[in-house]
Amino acid sequence: MSIELLANFSYIVSAGLFIYGLKMLGSPATARRGNLLSSLAMLIAVIAGLSSKGIVSYEFIIGGIILGAVIGALAARLVAMTSMPEMVALFNGSGGAASLLVGWATLYLADTTGVAAVLGDAGLIKQGISTFTAITVVLAILIGGVTLTGSLIAYGKLSERIGSAAIVFNGQRVVNSLILAGLLGSGVMFCLAPSADSQWLYAVIGLSLALGIMAVIPIGGADMPVVISLLNSYSGIAACAAGFAINNNILIVAGSLVGASGMILTNIMCKAMNRSLANVLFSGFGAVKQGKAIEGEVKPISQEDAYYILEAASNVCFVPGYGMAVAQAQHVVKELGKILEANGAEVSYAIHPVAGRMPGHMNVLLAEADVPYEQLVEMDDINPRIENVDVCIVIGANDVVNPSAREDEDSPIYGMPIINVDQARTVFVLKRSMASGFSGVDNPLFFNENTRMLFGDAKESISGIIGQFG
């Protein structure tokens, strides 16, 4: 069996493992095995790819593998769950940067004379680039560049290194339209005369990086989960384009899978917010709504009083949010849930699709604490029966339980489906302060008659309640 035939057979095996692994990611019970299968598929694909006769230096490849393994291991061990959304954003950006560089490098490898082409002899480079290759290179660079800088802006917003609010200015649409027109024009001019040292290529690179910034800065913090999934899709599409550029089948397949699954996830996230993708991407261009002013008086509660109410409850529902991740309270939440079950209460965990700052954020946190999967309840399943819940415990969530989304047409989050915790008999809200959520929208839930505010660190507050059970 020839090396080329063996490599293609390995690619088929990898593609099958990718698809099966992706399917397993659809359930928390099988997600870890799906991740391992997908990792194995990538390992097989990389080994098969390294069998190519076009490899110039294995020393650099081995060095890259070691460096990447060290970075990955450190990220997995040291990055806290609260920073996981930012890390995902950086990974998306890294994927975009890789596709951009692969597309660009394709121009240097287009000539079969080897070393001279790699060294950048423009006279040799020009003769081997087909129109199709030039188009795929432009797409890989364009989408990869947008993904890179867009992901960096998303990282900045998620980490709050830059403001999470939508950044808008007069003439923003005009500026974006000019960038897009310049990008398309430069891409066409490059395809007419492709070259690794073409000024049109540099224009495509620069404008794609600028477009990524301009595309994400007008998107507010509440829409970041959608942006994360969309940028993930972009990274897959860029990888697919790079696969066509270098004629690598498994890169095409893997990129297509990531792109398609990312688009499906983005659509699910948009439906969960009752918003179209166009609304998420372009709503920042208009005037930013402020919502109605909220007046009222909050009703604080002590850990001891919370204990007495929970001790008498027969149905308790936890509603986790980003604040639970910040406090690392998932383990004590599970412990309290077990105590309540032993006390005769029915316990559930209501998960909003966009709770946290990335898709599935709360599912990952609760899975880390080994919360039983059957106790996780989706928003559409908990809302019809929430009036029968004795106590809803909201842990650091804000936007996903904000009644303004249901009642205030002037609110920026109006129309977004929420978990209707305000309809429960009693609501405990665990927060450090009265500060608004990531979207910057105030929450009238805090002033309701049936709401009690338990201020302080969520982990310490819940530990205090556990201590009351003795």
Protein backbone atom coordinates (compact mmCIF):
# COMPACT_ATOMS: atom_id res chain seq x y z
CA MET A 1 0.00 0.00 0.00
CA SER A 2 1.44 3.39 -1.04
CA ILE A 3 1.94 6.17 1.50
CA GLU A 4 -0.60 8.36 -0.30
CA LEU A 5 -3.25 5.63 -0.24
CA LEU A 6 -2.58 4.93 3.44
CA ALA A 7 -2.87 8.64 4.23
CA ASN A 8 -6.23 8.91 2.46
CA PHE A 9 -7.50 5.82 4.28
CA SER A 10 -6.40 7.43 7.57
CA TYR A 11 -8.31 10.56 6.58
CA ILE A 12 -11.49 8.49 6.11
CA VAL A 13 -11.05 6.97 9.57
CA SER A 14 -10.46 10.43 11.03
CA ALA A 15 -13.55 11.85 9.34
CA GLY A 16 -15.69 9.02 10.74
CA LEU A 17 -14.32 9.59 14.25
CA PHE A 18 -14.92 13.34 13.93
CA ILE A 19 -18.57 12.79 13.01
CA TYR A 20 -19.17 10.20 15.73
CA GLY A 21 -17.34 12.33 18.31
CA LEU A 22 -19.41 15.37 17.36
CA LYS A 23 -22.59 13.34 17.79
CA MET A 24 -21.47 12.28 21.27
CA LEU A 25 -20.96 15.92 22.24
CA GLY A 26 -24.75 16.33 22.03
CA SER A 27 -25.21 14.74 25.46
CA PRO A 28 -23.46 15.64 28.75
CA ALA A 29 -23.27 11.91 29.54
CA THR A 30 -21.12 11.15 26.47
CA ALA A 31 -19.43 14.52 25.85
CA ARG A 32 -16.09 13.55 27.41
CA ARG A 33 -15.81 10.41 25.28
CA GLY A 34 -16.79 12.46 22.24
CA ASN A 35 -13.97 14.86 23.01
CA LEU A 36 -11.47 12.00 23.31
CA LEU A 37 -12.63 10.46 20.03
CA SER A 38 -12.31 13.80 18.25
CA SER A 39 -8.83 14.27 19.71
CA LEU A 40 -7.84 10.80 18.50
CA ALA A 41 -9.21 11.65 15.06
CA MET A 42 -7.10 14.80 14.93
CA LEU A 43 -3.99 12.87 16.01
CA ILE A 44 -4.53 10.33 13.21
CA ALA A 45 -5.08 13.16 10.71
CA VAL A 46 -1.91 14.98 11.78
CA ILE A 47 0.21 11.82 11.55
CA ALA A 48 -1.24 11.06 8.13
CA GLY A 49 -0.57 14.64 7.03
CA LEU A 50 3.04 14.42 8.14
CA SER A 51 3.56 11.48 5.79
CA SER A 52 3.39 13.92 2.87
CA LYS A 53 6.52 14.22 0.77
CA GLY A 54 6.12 18.01 0.86
CA ILE A 55 7.30 18.27 4.47
CA VAL A 56 10.35 20.52 4.58
CA SER A 57 11.57 20.24 8.17
CA TYR A 58 10.33 17.85 10.83
CA GLU A 59 12.37 19.72 13.44
CA PHE A 60 10.04 22.73 13.27
CA ILE A 61 6.98 20.47 13.32
CA ILE A 62 8.18 18.59 16.39
CA GLY A 63 9.02 21.89 18.07
CA GLY A 64 5.53 23.18 17.28
CA ILE A 65 3.90 20.01 18.65
CA ILE A 66 5.85 20.30 21.91
CA LEU A 67 5.08 24.01 22.27
CA GLY A 68 1.40 23.47 21.52
CA ALA A 69 1.18 20.56 23.96
CA VAL A 70 2.71 22.66 26.73
CA ILE A 71 0.36 25.57 26.08
CA GLY A 72 -2.65 23.25 25.94
CA ALA A 73 -1.71 21.44 29.14
CA LEU A 74 -1.14 24.68 31.02
CA ALA A 75 -4.43 26.11 29.73
CA ALA A 76 -6.35 23.01 30.78
CA ARG A 77 -4.81 22.98 34.26
CA LEU A 78 -4.53 26.66 35.09
CA VAL A 79 -7.42 28.44 33.38
CA ALA A 80 -10.36 28.75 35.76
CA MET A 81 -13.91 27.94 34.67
CA THR A 82 -14.74 31.63 34.96
CA SER A 83 -12.18 32.32 32.24
CA MET A 84 -13.27 29.48 29.96
CA PRO A 85 -15.32 31.76 27.63
CA GLU A 86 -12.30 33.99 27.10
CA MET A 87 -10.11 30.96 26.39
CA VAL A 88 -12.64 29.65 23.85
CA ALA A 89 -12.54 33.07 22.17
CA LEU A 90 -8.74 32.91 21.99
CA PHE A 91 -8.89 29.37 20.59
CA ASN A 92 -11.30 30.55 17.90
CA GLY A 93 -8.92 33.39 17.09
CA SER A 94 -5.99 30.97 16.94
CA GLY A 95 -7.90 28.84 14.45
CA GLY A 96 -8.56 31.89 12.31
CA ALA A 97 -4.90 32.94 12.47
CA ALA A 98 -3.79 29.42 11.49
CA SER A 99 -6.08 29.42 8.43
CA LEU A 100 -4.84 32.87 7.43
CA LEU A 101 -1.21 31.75 7.62
CA VAL A 102 -1.86 28.46 5.80
CA GLY A 103 -3.60 30.33 2.98
CA TRP A 104 -0.76 32.82 2.76
CA ALA A 105 1.91 30.09 2.87
CA THR A 106 0.17 28.29 0.01
CA LEU A 107 1.37 31.04 -2.32
CA TYR A 108 4.99 30.33 -1.41
CA LEU A 109 4.53 26.60 -1.94
CA ALA A 110 2.69 26.86 -5.24
CA ASP A 111 5.89 26.35 -7.22
CA THR A 112 7.22 22.80 -7.16
CA THR A 113 10.86 23.86 -7.21
CA GLY A 114 10.87 23.71 -3.42
CA VAL A 115 13.51 25.79 -1.66
CA ALA A 116 13.49 28.73 -4.06
CA ALA A 117 9.73 29.05 -3.72
CA VAL A 118 9.88 28.81 0.06
CA LEU A 119 12.54 31.53 0.14
CA GLY A 120 10.15 33.80 -1.71
CA ASP A 121 11.50 34.09 -5.26
CA ALA A 122 8.53 35.97 -6.77
CA GLY A 123 9.44 34.99 -10.30
CA LEU A 124 8.99 31.33 -9.41
CA ILE A 125 5.92 31.87 -7.27
CA LYS A 126 3.68 33.40 -9.89
CA GLN A 127 3.66 30.58 -12.37
CA GLY A 128 2.06 27.84 -10.24
CA ILE A 129 -1.09 29.52 -8.83
CA SER A 130 -4.44 28.67 -10.42
CA THR A 131 -7.48 30.92 -10.20
CA PHE A 132 -9.26 28.39 -7.96
CA THR A 133 -6.30 28.29 -5.56
CA ALA A 134 -6.16 32.10 -5.51
CA ILE A 135 -9.87 32.28 -4.62
CA THR A 136 -9.52 29.74 -1.80
CA VAL A 137 -6.46 31.60 -0.50
CA VAL A 138 -8.43 34.86 -0.42
CA LEU A 139 -11.30 33.16 1.42
CA ALA A 140 -8.96 31.55 3.96
CA ILE A 141 -7.24 34.88 4.62
CA LEU A 142 -10.46 36.90 4.66
CA ILE A 143 -12.44 34.64 7.00
CA GLY A 144 -9.37 33.79 9.08
CA GLY A 145 -8.52 37.47 9.55
CA VAL A 146 -12.08 38.37 10.55
CA THR A 147 -12.11 35.45 13.00
CA LEU A 148 -8.75 36.44 14.51
CA THR A 149 -9.48 40.07 15.34
CA GLY A 150 -13.18 39.46 16.02
CA SER A 151 -12.21 36.81 18.57
CA LEU A 152 -9.70 39.15 20.20
CA ILE A 153 -12.42 41.79 20.62
CA ALA A 154 -14.76 39.12 22.02
CA TYR A 155 -11.99 38.13 24.42
CA GLY A 156 -11.63 41.74 25.52
CA LYS A 157 -15.37 42.08 26.15
CA LEU A 158 -15.65 38.76 27.97
CA SER A 159 -12.65 39.48 30.20
CA GLU A 160 -13.91 43.06 30.67
CA ARG A 161 -10.58 44.45 29.51
CA ILE A 162 -12.74 46.57 27.23
CA GLY A 163 -16.32 47.64 27.91
CA SER A 164 -18.99 45.02 27.30
CA ALA A 165 -21.42 47.63 25.95
CA ALA A 166 -21.96 48.05 22.22
CA ILE A 167 -19.48 50.55 20.75
CA VAL A 168 -21.20 52.69 18.14
CA PHE A 169 -20.39 55.94 16.38
CA ASN A 170 -21.83 58.10 13.63
CA GLY A 171 -21.16 56.79 10.14
CA GLN A 172 -20.35 53.28 11.36
CA ARG A 173 -22.35 51.64 8.59
CA VAL A 174 -20.56 53.73 5.99
CA VAL A 175 -17.15 52.81 7.38
CA ASN A 176 -18.01 49.09 7.46
CA SER A 177 -19.43 49.24 3.94
CA LEU A 178 -16.24 50.89 2.66
CA ILE A 179 -14.07 48.25 4.36
CA LEU A 180 -16.17 45.44 2.88
CA ALA A 181 -16.12 47.01 -0.59
CA GLY A 182 -12.36 47.51 -0.40
CA LEU A 183 -11.93 43.92 0.76
CA LEU A 184 -13.95 42.48 -2.10
CA GLY A 185 -12.22 44.71 -4.64
CA SER A 186 -8.76 43.81 -3.36
CA GLY A 187 -9.68 40.13 -3.42
CA VAL A 188 -10.76 40.33 -7.06
CA MET A 189 -7.62 42.21 -8.08
CA PHE A 190 -5.44 39.65 -6.31
CA CYS A 191 -7.19 36.73 -8.04
CA LEU A 192 -6.53 38.35 -11.42
CA ALA A 193 -2.79 38.40 -10.75
CA PRO A 194 -1.99 36.20 -7.72
CA SER A 195 1.39 36.65 -6.08
CA ALA A 196 2.78 36.26 -2.57
CA ASP A 197 4.19 39.80 -2.69
CA SER A 198 1.11 41.44 -4.22
CA GLN A 199 -0.04 44.72 -2.66
CA TRP A 200 -3.61 43.47 -3.16
CA LEU A 201 -2.84 40.49 -0.92
CA TYR A 202 -1.59 42.80 1.82
CA ALA A 203 -4.74 44.89 1.40
CA VAL A 204 -6.91 41.76 1.83
CA ILE A 205 -5.02 40.85 5.01
CA GLY A 206 -5.23 44.34 6.50
CA LEU A 207 -8.88 44.94 5.62
CA SER A 208 -9.98 41.50 6.88
CA LEU A 209 -8.33 42.23 10.24
CA ALA A 210 -10.05 45.61 10.36
CA LEU A 211 -13.43 44.10 9.44
CA GLY A 212 -13.18 41.61 12.31
CA ILE A 213 -12.77 44.48 14.77
CA MET A 214 -15.56 46.55 13.26
CA ALA A 215 -17.93 43.57 13.13
CA VAL A 216 -17.72 42.76 16.85
CA ILE A 217 -17.35 46.12 18.63
CA PRO A 218 -21.02 47.10 18.03
CA ILE A 219 -22.25 43.87 19.67
CA GLY A 220 -23.20 44.13 23.33
CA GLY A 221 -22.27 41.80 26.17
CA ALA A 222 -25.65 40.05 26.28
CA ASP A 223 -25.03 38.71 22.77
CA MET A 224 -21.53 37.35 23.45
CA PRO A 225 -22.66 33.68 23.64
CA VAL A 226 -23.98 34.03 20.08
CA VAL A 227 -20.77 35.74 18.96
CA ILE A 228 -18.65 32.93 20.45
CA SER A 229 -20.56 30.25 18.53
CA LEU A 230 -20.53 32.34 15.33
CA LEU A 231 -16.77 32.91 15.50
CA ASN A 232 -16.33 29.19 16.11
CA SER A 233 -18.22 28.60 12.88
CA TYR A 234 -16.04 31.16 11.09
CA SER A 235 -12.89 29.35 12.22
CA GLY A 236 -14.23 26.12 10.71
CA ILE A 237 -15.14 27.77 7.40
CA ALA A 238 -11.69 29.37 7.24
CA ALA A 239 -10.08 25.97 7.85
CA CYS A 240 -12.23 24.47 5.09
CA ALA A 241 -11.08 27.17 2.66
CA ALA A 242 -7.46 26.54 3.68
CA GLY A 243 -8.04 22.82 3.04
CA PHE A 244 -9.10 23.58 -0.52
CA ALA A 245 -6.08 25.87 -0.93
CA ILE A 246 -3.59 23.14 0.02
CA ASN A 247 -5.72 20.27 -1.36
CA ASN A 248 -6.03 18.47 1.99
CA ASN A 249 -9.18 16.36 2.27
CA ILE A 250 -9.34 15.98 6.05
CA LEU A 251 -8.91 19.71 6.59
CA ILE A 252 -11.84 20.29 4.26
CA VAL A 253 -13.99 17.74 6.12
CA ALA A 254 -13.02 18.92 9.62
CA GLY A 255 -13.49 22.57 8.70
CA SER A 256 -16.89 21.83 7.18
CA LEU A 257 -17.99 19.98 10.33
CA VAL A 258 -16.90 22.82 12.61
CA GLY A 259 -18.45 25.43 10.33
CA ALA A 260 -21.77 23.64 9.99
CA SER A 261 -22.08 22.71 13.68
CA GLY A 262 -21.15 26.26 14.66
CA MET A 263 -23.86 27.68 12.40
CA ILE A 264 -26.43 25.26 13.84
CA LEU A 265 -25.42 26.24 17.38
CA THR A 266 -25.58 29.94 16.46
CA ASN A 267 -29.10 29.44 15.14
CA ILE A 268 -30.11 27.66 18.36
CA MET A 269 -28.65 30.48 20.44
CA CYS A 270 -30.47 33.11 18.39
CA LYS A 271 -33.76 31.26 18.85
CA ALA A 272 -33.09 31.07 22.58
CA MET A 273 -32.84 34.86 22.58
CA ASN A 274 -35.75 35.30 20.15
CA ARG A 275 -33.51 37.29 17.88
CA SER A 276 -32.33 36.93 14.32
CA LEU A 277 -28.63 36.73 13.55
CA ALA A 278 -28.91 40.03 11.64
CA ASN A 279 -30.37 41.63 14.78
CA VAL A 280 -27.44 40.42 16.87
CA LEU A 281 -24.86 41.60 14.34
CA PHE A 282 -26.38 44.95 13.45
CA SER A 283 -28.58 46.06 16.37
CA GLY A 284 -25.72 48.11 17.80
CA PHE A 285 -25.86 50.48 14.85
CA GLY A 286 -29.06 52.09 16.08
CA ALA A 287 -29.77 54.06 19.20
CA VAL A 288 -29.21 51.95 22.30
CA LYS A 289 -32.39 51.43 24.31
CA GLN A 290 -32.21 52.08 28.01
CA GLY A 291 -35.42 50.51 29.32
CA LYS A 292 -37.76 51.85 31.99
CA ALA A 293 -36.44 53.23 35.24
CA ILE A 294 -36.87 50.77 38.11
CA GLU A 295 -38.02 51.93 41.52
CA GLY A 296 -38.64 49.95 44.65
CA GLU A 297 -37.06 48.55 47.78
CA VAL A 298 -35.21 45.26 48.00
CA LYS A 299 -35.82 42.78 50.81
CA PRO A 300 -32.57 41.27 52.14
CA ILE A 301 -32.63 37.90 53.86
CA SER A 302 -30.21 36.21 56.24
CA GLN A 303 -28.77 32.72 55.85
CA GLU A 304 -30.76 31.59 58.87
CA ASP A 305 -34.09 32.83 57.46
CA ALA A 306 -33.24 31.26 54.09
CA TYR A 307 -32.69 27.96 55.90
CA TYR A 308 -36.14 28.03 57.52
CA ILE A 309 -37.84 28.63 54.16
CA LEU A 310 -35.82 25.91 52.40
CA GLU A 311 -36.34 23.45 55.23
CA ALA A 312 -40.11 23.68 54.67
CA ALA A 313 -39.93 23.60 50.85
CA SER A 314 -41.06 20.56 48.87
CA ASN A 315 -39.88 21.78 45.45
CA VAL A 316 -36.64 23.74 44.93
CA CYS A 317 -35.15 24.88 41.62
CA PHE A 318 -31.63 26.24 41.23
CA VAL A 319 -31.06 28.74 38.38
CA PRO A 320 -27.30 29.13 37.83
CA GLY A 321 -25.63 32.04 36.09
CA TYR A 322 -22.18 33.50 35.55
CA GLY A 323 -22.00 34.52 39.22
CA MET A 324 -21.92 30.84 40.16
CA ALA A 325 -18.85 30.41 37.96
CA VAL A 326 -17.17 33.45 39.52
CA ALA A 327 -17.78 32.13 43.05
CA GLN A 328 -16.92 28.53 42.05
CA ALA A 329 -20.08 27.58 43.92
CA GLN A 330 -21.15 24.57 41.83
CA HIS A 331 -19.90 22.00 44.37
CA VAL A 332 -21.67 23.55 47.36
CA VAL A 333 -24.80 23.97 45.21
CA LYS A 334 -24.78 20.23 44.58
CA GLU A 335 -24.21 19.57 48.28
CA LEU A 336 -27.19 21.75 49.22
CA GLY A 337 -29.27 19.98 46.59
CA LYS A 338 -28.47 16.59 48.15
CA ILE A 339 -29.40 17.87 51.60
CA LEU A 340 -32.73 19.20 50.29
CA GLU A 341 -33.45 15.86 48.60
CA ALA A 342 -32.73 14.03 51.84
CA ASN A 343 -35.17 16.44 53.48
CA GLY A 344 -37.89 15.32 51.06
CA ALA A 345 -37.73 18.14 48.49
CA GLU A 346 -37.75 17.69 44.72
CA VAL A 347 -34.62 19.40 43.33
CA SER A 348 -33.97 20.57 39.79
CA TYR A 349 -31.53 22.85 37.95
CA ALA A 350 -33.03 25.16 35.31
CA ILE A 351 -30.58 25.87 32.49
CA HIS A 352 -31.08 28.80 30.14
CA PRO A 353 -29.38 28.27 26.72
CA VAL A 354 -27.44 31.53 26.98
CA ALA A 355 -26.69 31.50 30.73
CA GLY A 356 -23.05 32.31 31.36
CA ARG A 357 -20.79 33.72 28.68
CA MET A 358 -20.52 30.84 26.25
CA PRO A 359 -22.83 28.08 24.98
CA GLY A 360 -23.19 25.26 27.52
CA HIS A 361 -21.29 27.15 30.23
CA MET A 362 -23.65 26.12 33.05
CA ASN A 363 -23.86 22.52 31.85
CA VAL A 364 -20.06 22.27 32.04
CA LEU A 365 -19.96 23.73 35.55
CA LEU A 366 -22.65 21.41 36.91
CA ALA A 367 -21.10 18.41 35.17
CA GLU A 368 -17.81 19.28 36.90
CA ALA A 369 -19.67 18.96 40.23
CA ASP A 370 -21.25 15.63 39.12
CA VAL A 371 -24.80 16.97 39.29
CA PRO A 372 -27.07 14.19 37.89
CA TYR A 373 -27.90 14.88 34.25
CA GLU A 374 -31.56 14.01 34.77
CA GLN A 375 -31.92 16.93 37.18
CA LEU A 376 -30.90 19.46 34.51
CA VAL A 377 -34.07 21.02 33.08
CA GLU A 378 -34.26 23.22 29.99
CA MET A 379 -36.03 26.57 30.03
CA ASP A 380 -39.00 25.36 27.95
CA ASP A 381 -39.57 22.47 30.36
CA ILE A 382 -39.32 24.39 33.65
CA ASN A 383 -41.45 27.42 32.73
CA PRO A 384 -44.81 25.58 32.45
CA ARG A 385 -44.44 24.22 35.98
CA ILE A 386 -42.53 27.01 37.68
CA GLU A 387 -45.64 28.26 39.52
CA ASN A 388 -45.50 25.04 41.56
CA VAL A 389 -41.90 25.64 42.65
CA ASP A 390 -41.69 26.66 46.30
CA VAL A 391 -38.26 28.28 46.07
CA CYS A 392 -36.23 29.34 43.05
CA ILE A 393 -32.60 30.00 43.97
CA VAL A 394 -31.03 32.33 41.40
CA ILE A 395 -27.24 32.14 41.70
CA GLY A 396 -25.54 35.03 39.96
CA ALA A 397 -27.91 35.08 36.98
CA ASN A 398 -29.37 38.36 35.81
CA ASP A 399 -30.33 38.73 32.17
CA VAL A 400 -31.80 35.22 31.78
CA VAL A 401 -34.33 35.82 34.60
CA ASN A 402 -35.03 39.51 33.91
CA PRO A 403 -38.80 40.14 33.54
CA SER A 404 -38.00 43.24 31.44
CA ALA A 405 -37.36 40.86 28.55
CA ARG A 406 -41.02 39.90 28.80
CA GLU A 407 -42.66 43.16 29.83
CA ASP A 408 -40.60 46.24 28.85
CA GLU A 409 -40.63 46.98 25.13
CA ASP A 410 -37.95 49.64 25.63
CA SER A 411 -35.51 47.18 27.18
CA PRO A 412 -32.46 46.14 25.09
CA ILE A 413 -33.26 42.48 25.90
CA TYR A 414 -37.00 42.70 25.16
CA GLY A 415 -38.29 39.57 23.44
CA MET A 416 -35.58 37.26 24.78
CA PRO A 417 -37.19 34.17 26.36
CA ILE A 418 -36.34 33.95 30.06
CA ILE A 419 -36.78 31.52 32.93
CA ASN A 420 -39.88 32.92 34.64
CA VAL A 421 -38.53 32.68 38.18
CA ASP A 422 -40.70 35.64 39.23
CA GLN A 423 -43.72 33.30 38.99
CA ALA A 424 -42.36 30.92 41.64
CA ARG A 425 -43.76 31.16 45.16
CA THR A 426 -40.48 32.50 46.59
CA VAL A 427 -37.29 33.63 44.88
CA PHE A 428 -33.84 33.81 46.49
CA VAL A 429 -31.37 35.91 44.51
CA LEU A 430 -27.72 35.39 45.47
CA LYS A 431 -25.60 38.38 44.42
CA ARG A 432 -22.65 40.34 45.71
CA SER A 433 -24.39 43.65 45.08
CA MET A 434 -27.23 45.30 43.17
CA ALA A 435 -25.05 45.75 40.10
CA SER A 436 -26.66 44.95 36.75
CA GLY A 437 -25.68 41.92 34.69
CA PHE A 438 -23.24 41.64 31.80
CA SER A 439 -25.66 43.37 29.42
CA GLY A 440 -25.89 46.38 31.74
CA VAL A 441 -29.69 46.06 32.11
CA ASP A 442 -31.30 46.58 35.53
CA ASN A 443 -33.55 43.80 36.82
CA PRO A 444 -37.01 44.53 38.34
CA LEU A 445 -37.06 40.96 39.73
CA PHE A 446 -34.95 42.17 42.65
CA PHE A 447 -37.79 44.43 43.84
CA ASN A 448 -40.66 41.92 43.59
CA GLU A 449 -42.74 41.07 46.63
CA ASN A 450 -41.78 37.39 46.49
CA THR A 451 -38.03 38.07 46.02
CA ARG A 452 -35.47 37.95 48.80
CA MET A 453 -31.88 39.11 48.25
CA LEU A 454 -29.09 37.11 49.87
CA PHE A 455 -26.05 39.36 49.45
CA GLY A 456 -22.46 38.13 49.53
CA ASP A 457 -20.24 35.54 47.88
CA ALA A 458 -22.50 32.77 46.56
CA LYS A 459 -20.22 29.99 47.74
CA GLU A 460 -20.04 31.40 51.28
CA SER A 461 -23.80 32.08 51.38
CA ILE A 462 -24.71 28.55 50.35
CA SER A 463 -22.13 27.07 52.71
CA GLY A 464 -23.74 29.09 55.49
CA ILE A 465 -27.17 27.67 54.64
CA ILE A 466 -25.72 24.15 54.60
CA GLY A 467 -24.28 24.81 58.04
CA GLN A 468 -27.77 25.72 59.29
CA PHE A 469 -29.00 22.22 58.34
CA GLY A 470 -26.41 20.90 60.78
